[in-house]
Amino acid sequence: MISSKSFYYIVLETKNNYMETRKVKVTVTRYYYKVAEVEIDVPTNIVDDELTDYLKESKELDEKIEEGIFQASLNAEDDSFEYYDETNQMGGTL
């Protein structure tokens, strides 16, 4: 059985020999990331803001992070599909 919507398209295609179209832009974004967790020894007398400064200046931490990221697996988040129809000036997420 042909629905009325399908029938309309069939008649349109038969009558005009083509169906009018328009462009709709679809953008796909995929984010990748790596996660590394490292531990370093910190002197017990370093606390509060001193700890932040110590970690920022730590060459050992830099080296461990670089090695951890190098060894980590690449992960992908869900894909994001967005569309935009310039004719109707509307868009959304698929």
Protein backbone atom coordinates (compact mmCIF):
# COMPACT_ATOMS: atom_id res chain seq x y z
CA MET A 1 0.00 0.00 0.00
CA ILE A 2 1.31 3.45 -0.90
CA SER A 3 0.84 6.18 1.69
CA SER A 4 -0.56 9.52 0.59
CA LYS A 5 2.86 11.10 1.15
CA SER A 6 4.55 8.51 -1.08
CA PHE A 7 1.84 8.92 -3.69
CA TYR A 8 2.40 12.69 -3.75
CA TYR A 9 6.11 12.20 -4.43
CA ILE A 10 5.43 9.65 -7.14
CA VAL A 11 3.00 12.04 -8.86
CA LEU A 12 5.48 14.91 -8.50
CA GLU A 13 8.30 12.86 -10.00
CA THR A 14 6.11 11.68 -12.86
CA LYS A 15 4.71 15.12 -13.60
CA ASN A 16 8.00 17.06 -13.47
CA ASN A 17 10.39 14.21 -14.20
CA TYR A 18 12.44 15.41 -11.22
CA MET A 19 12.02 16.49 -7.63
CA GLU A 20 13.29 19.85 -6.40
CA THR A 21 16.06 19.65 -3.83
CA ARG A 22 17.96 21.96 -1.53
CA LYS A 23 21.28 21.66 0.27
CA VAL A 24 21.37 20.92 3.99
CA LYS A 25 24.76 21.13 5.69
CA VAL A 26 25.63 18.30 8.10
CA THR A 27 28.68 18.65 10.38
CA VAL A 28 30.17 15.67 12.20
CA THR A 29 32.55 16.17 15.12
CA ARG A 30 34.45 13.40 16.89
CA TYR A 31 36.61 14.16 19.89
CA TYR A 32 39.55 11.99 20.89
CA TYR A 33 41.33 11.99 24.20
CA LYS A 34 43.91 10.17 26.28
CA VAL A 35 43.95 9.78 30.05
CA ALA A 36 47.06 9.27 32.15
CA GLU A 37 47.24 9.01 35.92
CA VAL A 38 50.66 9.39 37.52
CA GLU A 39 52.02 9.64 41.04
CA ILE A 40 55.02 11.52 42.33
CA ASP A 41 56.52 11.83 45.80
CA VAL A 42 56.03 15.23 47.41
CA PRO A 43 57.74 16.34 50.63
CA THR A 44 55.28 16.34 53.55
CA ASN A 45 56.06 19.94 54.50
CA ILE A 46 54.70 21.28 51.17
CA VAL A 47 51.01 22.22 51.52
CA ASP A 48 48.29 24.46 50.08
CA ASP A 49 49.49 26.91 47.40
CA GLU A 50 53.06 25.65 47.76
CA LEU A 51 51.84 22.28 46.46
CA THR A 52 50.45 23.89 43.30
CA ASP A 53 53.73 25.70 42.70
CA TYR A 54 55.73 22.53 43.39
CA LEU A 55 53.67 20.52 40.88
CA LYS A 56 53.87 23.24 38.22
CA GLU A 57 57.66 23.34 38.50
CA SER A 58 58.26 19.59 38.82
CA LYS A 59 60.35 18.15 35.99
CA GLU A 60 59.62 14.66 37.35
CA LEU A 61 55.88 15.27 36.97
CA ASP A 62 56.35 16.56 33.41
CA GLU A 63 58.30 13.45 32.44
CA LYS A 64 55.79 11.07 34.05
CA ILE A 65 52.85 12.80 32.37
CA GLU A 66 54.52 12.67 28.95
CA GLU A 67 55.30 8.97 29.38
CA GLY A 68 51.81 8.25 30.68
CA ILE A 69 50.13 10.01 27.75
CA PHE A 70 52.46 8.23 25.31
CA GLN A 71 51.49 4.84 26.77
CA ALA A 72 47.75 5.59 27.08
CA SER A 73 45.19 4.34 24.60
CA LEU A 74 43.33 6.76 22.36
CA ASN A 75 39.64 7.00 23.27
CA ALA A 76 36.78 8.47 21.28
CA GLU A 77 33.71 10.15 22.65
CA ASP A 78 30.33 9.90 21.00
CA ASP A 79 30.03 11.56 17.63
CA SER A 80 28.12 14.80 17.39
CA PHE A 81 25.95 15.27 14.29
CA GLU A 82 24.52 18.71 13.62
CA TYR A 83 22.59 20.00 10.64
CA TYR A 84 21.62 23.40 9.28
CA ASP A 85 19.06 24.14 6.60
CA GLU A 86 19.82 27.59 5.15
CA THR A 87 16.54 27.70 3.22
CA ASN A 88 14.42 27.40 6.35
CA GLN A 89 17.06 28.89 8.64
CA MET A 90 16.83 26.07 11.12
CA GLY A 91 19.12 23.40 12.45
CA GLY A 92 19.58 20.93 15.22
CA THR A 93 21.34 17.86 16.45
CA LEU A 94 20.75 14.42 14.97
